[in-house]
Amino acid sequence: MPLTAERKKALRTLGHNLKPVVTVAGKGLSEGVMEELARALEDHELIKVKLMIADRELRHQVIGEMCEKSGAELVQEIGKIALVYRAASTPDARLSNLLR
């Protein structure tokens, strides 16, 4: 179910002070990056991903592929940072960025 504009605005507010927890570099979306992304989304639900890719079009393509493969939704993209959200199956209040 796509996020509403109101929900995206609330998530952007929560994500403003977050630091990137996953970095996608030259090798792209390797198996290790996807595993770390899945773990981070399950733990935190709302995360920032840093993309060390210079080409803007390629960066957009990688973000789309990353969201598709992980089942996450893009909340915001500014420069080389993407804010992504995926609801956890069992949220942990100690780890979740939404329940703090």
PDB file of N, CA and C in Angstrom:
ATOM      1  N   MET A   1       0.845  -1.172   0.000  1.00  0.00           N
ATOM      2  CA  MET A   1       0.000   0.000   0.000  1.00  0.00           C
ATOM      3  C   MET A   1       0.893   1.240   0.000  1.00  0.00           C
ATOM      4  N   PRO A   2       0.744   2.106  -0.981  1.00  0.00           N
ATOM      5  CA  PRO A   2       1.590   3.301  -1.040  1.00  0.00           C
ATOM      6  C   PRO A   2       1.346   4.241   0.142  1.00  0.00           C
ATOM      7  N   LEU A   3       2.397   4.945   0.495  1.00  0.00           N
ATOM      8  CA  LEU A   3       2.298   5.912   1.588  1.00  0.00           C
ATOM      9  C   LEU A   3       1.529   7.149   1.128  1.00  0.00           C
ATOM     10  N   THR A   4       0.708   7.685   2.015  1.00  0.00           N
ATOM     11  CA  THR A   4      -0.004   8.920   1.709  1.00  0.00           C
ATOM     12  C   THR A   4       0.956  10.089   1.864  1.00  0.00           C
ATOM     13  N   ALA A   5       0.601  11.227   1.305  1.00  0.00           N
ATOM     14  CA  ALA A   5       1.442  12.421   1.407  1.00  0.00           C
ATOM     15  C   ALA A   5       1.604  12.838   2.865  1.00  0.00           C
ATOM     16  N   GLU A   6       0.544  12.682   3.632  1.00  0.00           N
ATOM     17  CA  GLU A   6       0.593  13.047   5.055  1.00  0.00           C
ATOM     18  C   GLU A   6       1.554  12.136   5.821  1.00  0.00           C
ATOM     19  N   ARG A   7       1.502  10.831   5.522  1.00  0.00           N
ATOM     20  CA  ARG A   7       2.382   9.859   6.195  1.00  0.00           C
ATOM     21  C   ARG A   7       3.839  10.104   5.787  1.00  0.00           C
ATOM     22  N   LYS A   8       4.075  10.413   4.507  1.00  0.00           N
ATOM     23  CA  LYS A   8       5.437  10.704   4.050  1.00  0.00           C
ATOM     24  C   LYS A   8       6.001  11.927   4.761  1.00  0.00           C
ATOM     25  N   LYS A   9       5.162  12.937   4.954  1.00  0.00           N
ATOM     26  CA  LYS A   9       5.610  14.142   5.643  1.00  0.00           C
ATOM     27  C   LYS A   9       6.017  13.812   7.078  1.00  0.00           C
ATOM     28  N   ALA A  10       5.237  12.984   7.757  1.00  0.00           N
ATOM     29  CA  ALA A  10       5.563  12.584   9.128  1.00  0.00           C
ATOM     30  C   ALA A  10       6.859  11.773   9.165  1.00  0.00           C
ATOM     31  N   LEU A  11       7.047  10.893   8.195  1.00  0.00           N
ATOM     32  CA  LEU A  11       8.269  10.085   8.143  1.00  0.00           C
ATOM     33  C   LEU A  11       9.490  10.942   7.826  1.00  0.00           C
ATOM     34  N   ARG A  12       9.336  11.933   6.951  1.00  0.00           N
ATOM     35  CA  ARG A  12      10.445  12.842   6.655  1.00  0.00           C
ATOM     36  C   ARG A  12      10.865  13.598   7.908  1.00  0.00           C
ATOM     37  N   THR A  13       9.898  14.008   8.714  1.00  0.00           N
ATOM     38  CA  THR A  13      10.194  14.704   9.962  1.00  0.00           C
ATOM     39  C   THR A  13      10.994  13.799  10.893  1.00  0.00           C
ATOM     40  N   LEU A  14      10.570  12.538  11.025  1.00  0.00           N
ATOM     41  CA  LEU A  14      11.279  11.594  11.889  1.00  0.00           C
ATOM     42  C   LEU A  14      12.671  11.264  11.345  1.00  0.00           C
ATOM     43  N   GLY A  15      12.804  11.213  10.025  1.00  0.00           N
ATOM     44  CA  GLY A  15      14.066  10.830   9.411  1.00  0.00           C
ATOM     45  C   GLY A  15      15.088  11.939   9.304  1.00  0.00           C
ATOM     46  N   HIS A  16      14.693  13.162   9.610  1.00  0.00           N
ATOM     47  CA  HIS A  16      15.587  14.303   9.434  1.00  0.00           C
ATOM     48  C   HIS A  16      16.919  14.147  10.168  1.00  0.00           C
ATOM     49  N   ASN A  17      16.894  13.699  11.401  1.00  0.00           N
ATOM     50  CA  ASN A  17      18.115  13.605  12.208  1.00  0.00           C
ATOM     51  C   ASN A  17      18.807  12.247  12.135  1.00  0.00           C
ATOM     52  N   LEU A  18      18.314  11.335  11.328  1.00  0.00           N
ATOM     53  CA  LEU A  18      18.926  10.010  11.221  1.00  0.00           C
ATOM     54  C   LEU A  18      20.221  10.069  10.421  1.00  0.00           C
ATOM     55  N   LYS A  19      21.122   9.174  10.732  1.00  0.00           N
ATOM     56  CA  LYS A  19      22.360   9.008   9.975  1.00  0.00           C
ATOM     57  C   LYS A  19      22.202   7.795   9.057  1.00  0.00           C
ATOM     58  N   PRO A  20      22.860   7.785   7.892  1.00  0.00           N
ATOM     59  CA  PRO A  20      22.778   6.620   7.003  1.00  0.00           C
ATOM     60  C   PRO A  20      23.331   5.367   7.681  1.00  0.00           C
ATOM     61  N   VAL A  21      22.588   4.255   7.563  1.00  0.00           N
ATOM     62  CA  VAL A  21      23.026   3.003   8.170  1.00  0.00           C
ATOM     63  C   VAL A  21      23.466   1.978   7.134  1.00  0.00           C
ATOM     64  N   VAL A  22      23.150   2.226   5.870  1.00  0.00           N
ATOM     65  CA  VAL A  22      23.562   1.339   4.782  1.00  0.00           C
ATOM     66  C   VAL A  22      24.175   2.211   3.694  1.00  0.00           C
ATOM     67  N   THR A  23      25.293   1.736   3.117  1.00  0.00           N
ATOM     68  CA  THR A  23      25.944   2.457   2.031  1.00  0.00           C
ATOM     69  C   THR A  23      26.017   1.552   0.808  1.00  0.00           C
ATOM     70  N   VAL A  24      25.582   2.068  -0.322  1.00  0.00           N
ATOM     71  CA  VAL A  24      25.680   1.359  -1.594  1.00  0.00           C
ATOM     72  C   VAL A  24      26.807   2.023  -2.366  1.00  0.00           C
ATOM     73  N   ALA A  25      27.840   1.250  -2.694  1.00  0.00           N
ATOM     74  CA  ALA A  25      29.015   1.812  -3.364  1.00  0.00           C
ATOM     75  C   ALA A  25      29.143   1.235  -4.776  1.00  0.00           C
ATOM     76  N   GLY A  26      30.340   1.167  -5.253  1.00  0.00           N
ATOM     77  CA  GLY A  26      30.642   0.791  -6.628  1.00  0.00           C
ATOM     78  C   GLY A  26      30.112  -0.549  -7.083  1.00  0.00           C
ATOM     79  N   LYS A  27      30.019  -1.535  -6.203  1.00  0.00           N
ATOM     80  CA  LYS A  27      29.538  -2.863  -6.594  1.00  0.00           C
ATOM     81  C   LYS A  27      28.020  -2.939  -6.666  1.00  0.00           C
ATOM     82  N   GLY A  28      27.344  -1.854  -6.298  1.00  0.00           N
ATOM     83  CA  GLY A  28      25.884  -1.812  -6.410  1.00  0.00           C
ATOM     84  C   GLY A  28      25.187  -2.616  -5.339  1.00  0.00           C
ATOM     85  N   LEU A  29      24.072  -3.206  -5.709  1.00  0.00           N
ATOM     86  CA  LEU A  29      23.239  -3.946  -4.754  1.00  0.00           C
ATOM     87  C   LEU A  29      23.685  -5.401  -4.674  1.00  0.00           C
ATOM     88  N   SER A  30      24.805  -5.620  -4.018  1.00  0.00           N
ATOM     89  CA  SER A  30      25.306  -6.975  -3.852  1.00  0.00           C
ATOM     90  C   SER A  30      24.437  -7.709  -2.833  1.00  0.00           C
ATOM     91  N   GLU A  31      24.669  -8.994  -2.710  1.00  0.00           N
ATOM     92  CA  GLU A  31      23.911  -9.813  -1.763  1.00  0.00           C
ATOM     93  C   GLU A  31      24.115  -9.320  -0.330  1.00  0.00           C
ATOM     94  N   GLY A  32      25.334  -8.941   0.008  1.00  0.00           N
ATOM     95  CA  GLY A  32      25.630  -8.441   1.354  1.00  0.00           C
ATOM     96  C   GLY A  32      24.913  -7.137   1.662  1.00  0.00           C
ATOM     97  N   VAL A  33      24.853  -6.251   0.682  1.00  0.00           N
ATOM     98  CA  VAL A  33      24.157  -4.978   0.871  1.00  0.00           C
ATOM     99  C   VAL A  33      22.666  -5.229   1.075  1.00  0.00           C
ATOM    100  N   MET A  34      22.089  -6.133   0.302  1.00  0.00           N
ATOM    101  CA  MET A  34      20.664  -6.426   0.425  1.00  0.00           C
ATOM    102  C   MET A  34      20.344  -7.077   1.771  1.00  0.00           C
ATOM    103  N   GLU A  35      21.239  -7.936   2.259  1.00  0.00           N
ATOM    104  CA  GLU A  35      21.034  -8.548   3.577  1.00  0.00           C
ATOM    105  C   GLU A  35      21.080  -7.494   4.675  1.00  0.00           C
ATOM    106  N   GLU A  36      22.038  -6.588   4.595  1.00  0.00           N
ATOM    107  CA  GLU A  36      22.162  -5.518   5.589  1.00  0.00           C
ATOM    108  C   GLU A  36      20.961  -4.572   5.521  1.00  0.00           C
ATOM    109  N   LEU A  37      20.503  -4.291   4.319  1.00  0.00           N
ATOM    110  CA  LEU A  37      19.327  -3.444   4.143  1.00  0.00           C
ATOM    111  C   LEU A  37      18.099  -4.099   4.778  1.00  0.00           C
ATOM    112  N   ALA A  38      17.912  -5.389   4.531  1.00  0.00           N
ATOM    113  CA  ALA A  38      16.763  -6.103   5.104  1.00  0.00           C
ATOM    114  C   ALA A  38      16.831  -6.111   6.627  1.00  0.00           C
ATOM    115  N   ARG A  39      18.024  -6.338   7.184  1.00  0.00           N
ATOM    116  CA  ARG A  39      18.185  -6.343   8.635  1.00  0.00           C
ATOM    117  C   ARG A  39      17.898  -4.969   9.223  1.00  0.00           C
ATOM    118  N   ALA A  40      18.430  -3.934   8.583  1.00  0.00           N
ATOM    119  CA  ALA A  40      18.231  -2.576   9.085  1.00  0.00           C
ATOM    120  C   ALA A  40      16.762  -2.171   9.011  1.00  0.00           C
ATOM    121  N   LEU A  41      16.078  -2.533   7.941  1.00  0.00           N
ATOM    122  CA  LEU A  41      14.662  -2.201   7.822  1.00  0.00           C
ATOM    123  C   LEU A  41      13.831  -2.954   8.856  1.00  0.00           C
ATOM    124  N   GLU A  42      14.180  -4.198   9.112  1.00  0.00           N
ATOM    125  CA  GLU A  42      13.445  -4.981  10.113  1.00  0.00           C
ATOM    126  C   GLU A  42      13.664  -4.415  11.511  1.00  0.00           C
ATOM    127  N   ASP A  43      14.877  -3.957  11.795  1.00  0.00           N
ATOM    128  CA  ASP A  43      15.175  -3.392  13.117  1.00  0.00           C
ATOM    129  C   ASP A  43      14.618  -1.989  13.284  1.00  0.00           C
ATOM    130  N   HIS A  44      14.861  -1.122  12.304  1.00  0.00           N
ATOM    131  CA  HIS A  44      14.597   0.309  12.467  1.00  0.00           C
ATOM    132  C   HIS A  44      13.360   0.824  11.727  1.00  0.00           C
ATOM    133  N   GLU A  45      12.889   0.107  10.728  1.00  0.00           N
ATOM    134  CA  GLU A  45      11.728   0.458   9.899  1.00  0.00           C
ATOM    135  C   GLU A  45      11.968   1.666   8.995  1.00  0.00           C
ATOM    136  N   LEU A  46      12.552   2.727   9.509  1.00  0.00           N
ATOM    137  CA  LEU A  46      12.826   3.935   8.734  1.00  0.00           C
ATOM    138  C   LEU A  46      14.334   4.167   8.767  1.00  0.00           C
ATOM    139  N   ILE A  47      14.972   4.125   7.592  1.00  0.00           N
ATOM    140  CA  ILE A  47      16.436   4.267   7.557  1.00  0.00           C
ATOM    141  C   ILE A  47      16.851   5.186   6.414  1.00  0.00           C
ATOM    142  N   LYS A  48      18.077   5.677   6.534  1.00  0.00           N
ATOM    143  CA  LYS A  48      18.700   6.421   5.441  1.00  0.00           C
ATOM    144  C   LYS A  48      19.737   5.511   4.790  1.00  0.00           C
ATOM    145  N   VAL A  49      19.797   5.596   3.472  1.00  0.00           N
ATOM    146  CA  VAL A  49      20.761   4.827   2.683  1.00  0.00           C
ATOM    147  C   VAL A  49      21.599   5.824   1.895  1.00  0.00           C
ATOM    148  N   LYS A  50      22.912   5.691   2.002  1.00  0.00           N
ATOM    149  CA  LYS A  50      23.824   6.556   1.252  1.00  0.00           C
ATOM    150  C   LYS A  50      24.249   5.826  -0.011  1.00  0.00           C
ATOM    151  N   LEU A  51      24.130   6.501  -1.147  1.00  0.00           N
ATOM    152  CA  LEU A  51      24.495   5.908  -2.428  1.00  0.00           C
ATOM    153  C   LEU A  51      25.722   6.620  -2.974  1.00  0.00           C
ATOM    154  N   MET A  52      26.838   5.932  -3.038  1.00  0.00           N
ATOM    155  CA  MET A  52      28.088   6.495  -3.529  1.00  0.00           C
ATOM    156  C   MET A  52      28.188   6.276  -5.043  1.00  0.00           C
ATOM    157  N   ILE A  53      27.167   6.764  -5.752  1.00  0.00           N
ATOM    158  CA  ILE A  53      27.086   6.619  -7.202  1.00  0.00           C
ATOM    159  C   ILE A  53      26.989   8.024  -7.789  1.00  0.00           C
ATOM    160  N   ALA A  54      27.910   8.369  -8.676  1.00  0.00           N
ATOM    161  CA  ALA A  54      27.977   9.732  -9.200  1.00  0.00           C
ATOM    162  C   ALA A  54      26.874  10.043 -10.200  1.00  0.00           C
ATOM    163  N   ASP A  55      26.535   9.095 -11.063  1.00  0.00           N
ATOM    164  CA  ASP A  55      25.554   9.325 -12.121  1.00  0.00           C
ATOM    165  C   ASP A  55      24.136   9.370 -11.549  1.00  0.00           C
ATOM    166  N   ARG A  56      23.446  10.470 -11.763  1.00  0.00           N
ATOM    167  CA  ARG A  56      22.100  10.679 -11.198  1.00  0.00           C
ATOM    168  C   ARG A  56      21.097   9.646 -11.694  1.00  0.00           C
ATOM    169  N   GLU A  57      21.098   9.364 -12.994  1.00  0.00           N
ATOM    170  CA  GLU A  57      20.142   8.403 -13.556  1.00  0.00           C
ATOM    171  C   GLU A  57      20.379   7.004 -12.989  1.00  0.00           C
ATOM    172  N   LEU A  58      21.638   6.611 -12.893  1.00  0.00           N
ATOM    173  CA  LEU A  58      21.968   5.304 -12.337  1.00  0.00           C
ATOM    174  C   LEU A  58      21.560   5.235 -10.869  1.00  0.00           C
ATOM    175  N   ARG A  59      21.741   6.335 -10.145  1.00  0.00           N
ATOM    176  CA  ARG A  59      21.345   6.398  -8.734  1.00  0.00           C
ATOM    177  C   ARG A  59      19.836   6.190  -8.590  1.00  0.00           C
ATOM    178  N   HIS A  60      19.035   6.844  -9.426  1.00  0.00           N
ATOM    179  CA  HIS A  60      17.576   6.674  -9.408  1.00  0.00           C
ATOM    180  C   HIS A  60      17.197   5.219  -9.701  1.00  0.00           C
ATOM    181  N   GLN A  61      17.894   4.629 -10.655  1.00  0.00           N
ATOM    182  CA  GLN A  61      17.627   3.245 -11.029  1.00  0.00           C
ATOM    183  C   GLN A  61      17.952   2.303  -9.865  1.00  0.00           C
ATOM    184  N   VAL A  62      19.085   2.514  -9.196  1.00  0.00           N
ATOM    185  CA  VAL A  62      19.486   1.667  -8.070  1.00  0.00           C
ATOM    186  C   VAL A  62      18.500   1.811  -6.917  1.00  0.00           C
ATOM    187  N   ILE A  63      18.038   3.027  -6.649  1.00  0.00           N
ATOM    188  CA  ILE A  63      17.065   3.240  -5.575  1.00  0.00           C
ATOM    189  C   ILE A  63      15.767   2.500  -5.882  1.00  0.00           C
ATOM    190  N   GLY A  64      15.301   2.576  -7.120  1.00  0.00           N
ATOM    191  CA  GLY A  64      14.091   1.862  -7.515  1.00  0.00           C
ATOM    192  C   GLY A  64      14.236   0.366  -7.368  1.00  0.00           C
ATOM    193  N   GLU A  65      15.368  -0.159  -7.804  1.00  0.00           N
ATOM    194  CA  GLU A  65      15.633  -1.590  -7.702  1.00  0.00           C
ATOM    195  C   GLU A  65      15.747  -2.013  -6.235  1.00  0.00           C
ATOM    196  N   MET A  66      16.405  -1.191  -5.428  1.00  0.00           N
ATOM    197  CA  MET A  66      16.574  -1.486  -3.996  1.00  0.00           C
ATOM    198  C   MET A  66      15.209  -1.557  -3.309  1.00  0.00           C
ATOM    199  N   CYS A  67      14.352  -0.601  -3.584  1.00  0.00           N
ATOM    200  CA  CYS A  67      13.019  -0.583  -2.968  1.00  0.00           C
ATOM    201  C   CYS A  67      12.182  -1.769  -3.436  1.00  0.00           C
ATOM    202  N   GLU A  68      12.289  -2.095  -4.715  1.00  0.00           N
ATOM    203  CA  GLU A  68      11.528  -3.216  -5.263  1.00  0.00           C
ATOM    204  C   GLU A  68      11.957  -4.542  -4.638  1.00  0.00           C
ATOM    205  N   LYS A  69      13.268  -4.776  -4.564  1.00  0.00           N
ATOM    206  CA  LYS A  69      13.784  -6.029  -4.019  1.00  0.00           C
ATOM    207  C   LYS A  69      13.530  -6.173  -2.518  1.00  0.00           C
ATOM    208  N   SER A  70      13.564  -5.073  -1.787  1.00  0.00           N
ATOM    209  CA  SER A  70      13.424  -5.143  -0.327  1.00  0.00           C
ATOM    210  C   SER A  70      11.981  -4.981   0.139  1.00  0.00           C
ATOM    211  N   GLY A  71      11.091  -4.554  -0.748  1.00  0.00           N
ATOM    212  CA  GLY A  71       9.711  -4.331  -0.351  1.00  0.00           C
ATOM    213  C   GLY A  71       9.527  -3.025   0.414  1.00  0.00           C
ATOM    214  N   ALA A  72      10.510  -2.142   0.331  1.00  0.00           N
ATOM    215  CA  ALA A  72      10.459  -0.860   1.037  1.00  0.00           C
ATOM    216  C   ALA A  72       9.869   0.208   0.120  1.00  0.00           C
ATOM    217  N   GLU A  73       9.510   1.326   0.718  1.00  0.00           N
ATOM    218  CA  GLU A  73       9.000   2.461  -0.044  1.00  0.00           C
ATOM    219  C   GLU A  73       9.919   3.646   0.127  1.00  0.00           C
ATOM    220  N   LEU A  74      10.165   4.340  -0.967  1.00  0.00           N
ATOM    221  CA  LEU A  74      10.985   5.540  -0.927  1.00  0.00           C
ATOM    222  C   LEU A  74      10.164   6.675  -0.333  1.00  0.00           C
ATOM    223  N   VAL A  75      10.679   7.275   0.730  1.00  0.00           N
ATOM    224  CA  VAL A  75      10.010   8.400   1.366  1.00  0.00           C
ATOM    225  C   VAL A  75      10.544   9.698   0.782  1.00  0.00           C
ATOM    226  N   GLN A  76      11.881   9.774   0.661  1.00  0.00           N
ATOM    227  CA  GLN A  76      12.496  11.003   0.172  1.00  0.00           C
ATOM    228  C   GLN A  76      13.881  10.677  -0.379  1.00  0.00           C
ATOM    229  N   GLU A  77      14.273  11.435  -1.389  1.00  0.00           N
ATOM    230  CA  GLU A  77      15.614  11.321  -1.953  1.00  0.00           C
ATOM    231  C   GLU A  77      16.179  12.725  -2.100  1.00  0.00           C
ATOM    232  N   ILE A  78      17.296  12.961  -1.431  1.00  0.00           N
ATOM    233  CA  ILE A  78      17.973  14.243  -1.548  1.00  0.00           C
ATOM    234  C   ILE A  78      19.434  13.947  -1.856  1.00  0.00           C
ATOM    235  N   GLY A  79      19.869  14.340  -3.032  1.00  0.00           N
ATOM    236  CA  GLY A  79      21.255  14.094  -3.428  1.00  0.00           C
ATOM    237  C   GLY A  79      21.566  12.613  -3.434  1.00  0.00           C
ATOM    238  N   LYS A  80      22.553  12.235  -2.639  1.00  0.00           N
ATOM    239  CA  LYS A  80      22.985  10.838  -2.596  1.00  0.00           C
ATOM    240  C   LYS A  80      22.430  10.089  -1.387  1.00  0.00           C
ATOM    241  N   ILE A  81      21.416  10.642  -0.746  1.00  0.00           N
ATOM    242  CA  ILE A  81      20.810  10.025   0.429  1.00  0.00           C
ATOM    243  C   ILE A  81      19.347   9.704   0.130  1.00  0.00           C
ATOM    244  N   ALA A  82      18.949   8.464   0.424  1.00  0.00           N
ATOM    245  CA  ALA A  82      17.561   8.050   0.258  1.00  0.00           C
ATOM    246  C   ALA A  82      16.999   7.662   1.617  1.00  0.00           C
ATOM    247  N   LEU A  83      15.800   8.124   1.915  1.00  0.00           N
ATOM    248  CA  LEU A  83      15.093   7.761   3.136  1.00  0.00           C
ATOM    249  C   LEU A  83      14.055   6.726   2.737  1.00  0.00           C
ATOM    250  N   VAL A  84      14.168   5.506   3.295  1.00  0.00           N
ATOM    251  CA  VAL A  84      13.261   4.425   2.923  1.00  0.00           C
ATOM    252  C   VAL A  84      12.557   3.875   4.161  1.00  0.00           C
ATOM    253  N   TYR A  85      11.353   3.343   3.934  1.00  0.00           N
ATOM    254  CA  TYR A  85      10.512   2.840   5.018  1.00  0.00           C
ATOM    255  C   TYR A  85       9.941   1.484   4.636  1.00  0.00           C
ATOM    256  N   ARG A  86       9.936   0.590   5.608  1.00  0.00           N
ATOM    257  CA  ARG A  86       9.227  -0.684   5.487  1.00  0.00           C
ATOM    258  C   ARG A  86       8.791  -1.078   6.885  1.00  0.00           C
ATOM    259  N   ALA A  87       7.517  -1.346   7.065  1.00  0.00           N
ATOM    260  CA  ALA A  87       7.001  -1.732   8.380  1.00  0.00           C
ATOM    261  C   ALA A  87       7.602  -3.069   8.780  1.00  0.00           C
ATOM    262  N   ALA A  88       8.025  -3.172  10.032  1.00  0.00           N
ATOM    263  CA  ALA A  88       8.599  -4.409  10.552  1.00  0.00           C
ATOM    264  C   ALA A  88       7.490  -5.402  10.876  1.00  0.00           C
ATOM    265  N   SER A  89       7.793  -6.685  10.714  1.00  0.00           N
ATOM    266  CA  SER A  89       6.794  -7.696  11.048  1.00  0.00           C
ATOM    267  C   SER A  89       6.536  -7.731  12.553  1.00  0.00           C
ATOM    268  N   THR A  90       7.597  -7.564  13.346  1.00  0.00           N
ATOM    269  CA  THR A  90       7.457  -7.474  14.805  1.00  0.00           C
ATOM    270  C   THR A  90       8.319  -6.308  15.279  1.00  0.00           C
ATOM    271  N   PRO A  91       7.751  -5.106  15.376  1.00  0.00           N
ATOM    272  CA  PRO A  91       8.528  -3.926  15.768  1.00  0.00           C
ATOM    273  C   PRO A  91       9.082  -4.047  17.187  1.00  0.00           C
ATOM    274  N   ASP A  92      10.321  -3.639  17.357  1.00  0.00           N
ATOM    275  CA  ASP A  92      10.994  -3.624  18.656  1.00  0.00           C
ATOM    276  C   ASP A  92      11.132  -2.156  19.073  1.00  0.00           C
ATOM    277  N   ALA A  93      10.494  -1.795  20.159  1.00  0.00           N
ATOM    278  CA  ALA A  93      10.476  -0.393  20.596  1.00  0.00           C
ATOM    279  C   ALA A  93      11.880   0.129  20.903  1.00  0.00           C
ATOM    280  N   ARG A  94      12.804  -0.750  21.255  1.00  0.00           N
ATOM    281  CA  ARG A  94      14.164  -0.301  21.562  1.00  0.00           C
ATOM    282  C   ARG A  94      14.942   0.064  20.313  1.00  0.00           C
ATOM    283  N   LEU A  95      14.603  -0.525  19.175  1.00  0.00           N
ATOM    284  CA  LEU A  95      15.352  -0.308  17.945  1.00  0.00           C
ATOM    285  C   LEU A  95      14.634   0.563  16.917  1.00  0.00           C
ATOM    286  N   SER A  96      13.323   0.522  16.896  1.00  0.00           N
ATOM    287  CA  SER A  96      12.553   1.202  15.859  1.00  0.00           C
ATOM    288  C   SER A  96      12.706   2.712  15.946  1.00  0.00           C
ATOM    289  N   ASN A  97      12.912   3.337  14.797  1.00  0.00           N
ATOM    290  CA  ASN A  97      12.985   4.790  14.725  1.00  0.00           C
ATOM    291  C   ASN A  97      11.600   5.427  14.813  1.00  0.00           C
ATOM    292  N   LEU A  98      10.548   4.623  14.678  1.00  0.00           N
ATOM    293  CA  LEU A  98       9.195   5.144  14.718  1.00  0.00           C
ATOM    294  C   LEU A  98       8.592   5.099  16.127  1.00  0.00           C
ATOM    295  N   LEU A  99       9.049   4.211  16.970  1.00  0.00           N
ATOM    296  CA  LEU A  99       8.462   4.011  18.286  1.00  0.00           C
ATOM    297  C   LEU A  99       9.208   4.713  19.395  1.00  0.00           C
ATOM    298  N   ARG A 100      10.229   5.462  19.088  1.00  0.00           N
ATOM    299  CA  ARG A 100      11.007   6.137  20.128  1.00  0.00           C
ATOM    300  C   ARG A 100      10.319   7.390  20.579  1.00  0.00           C
TER     301      ARG A 100
END
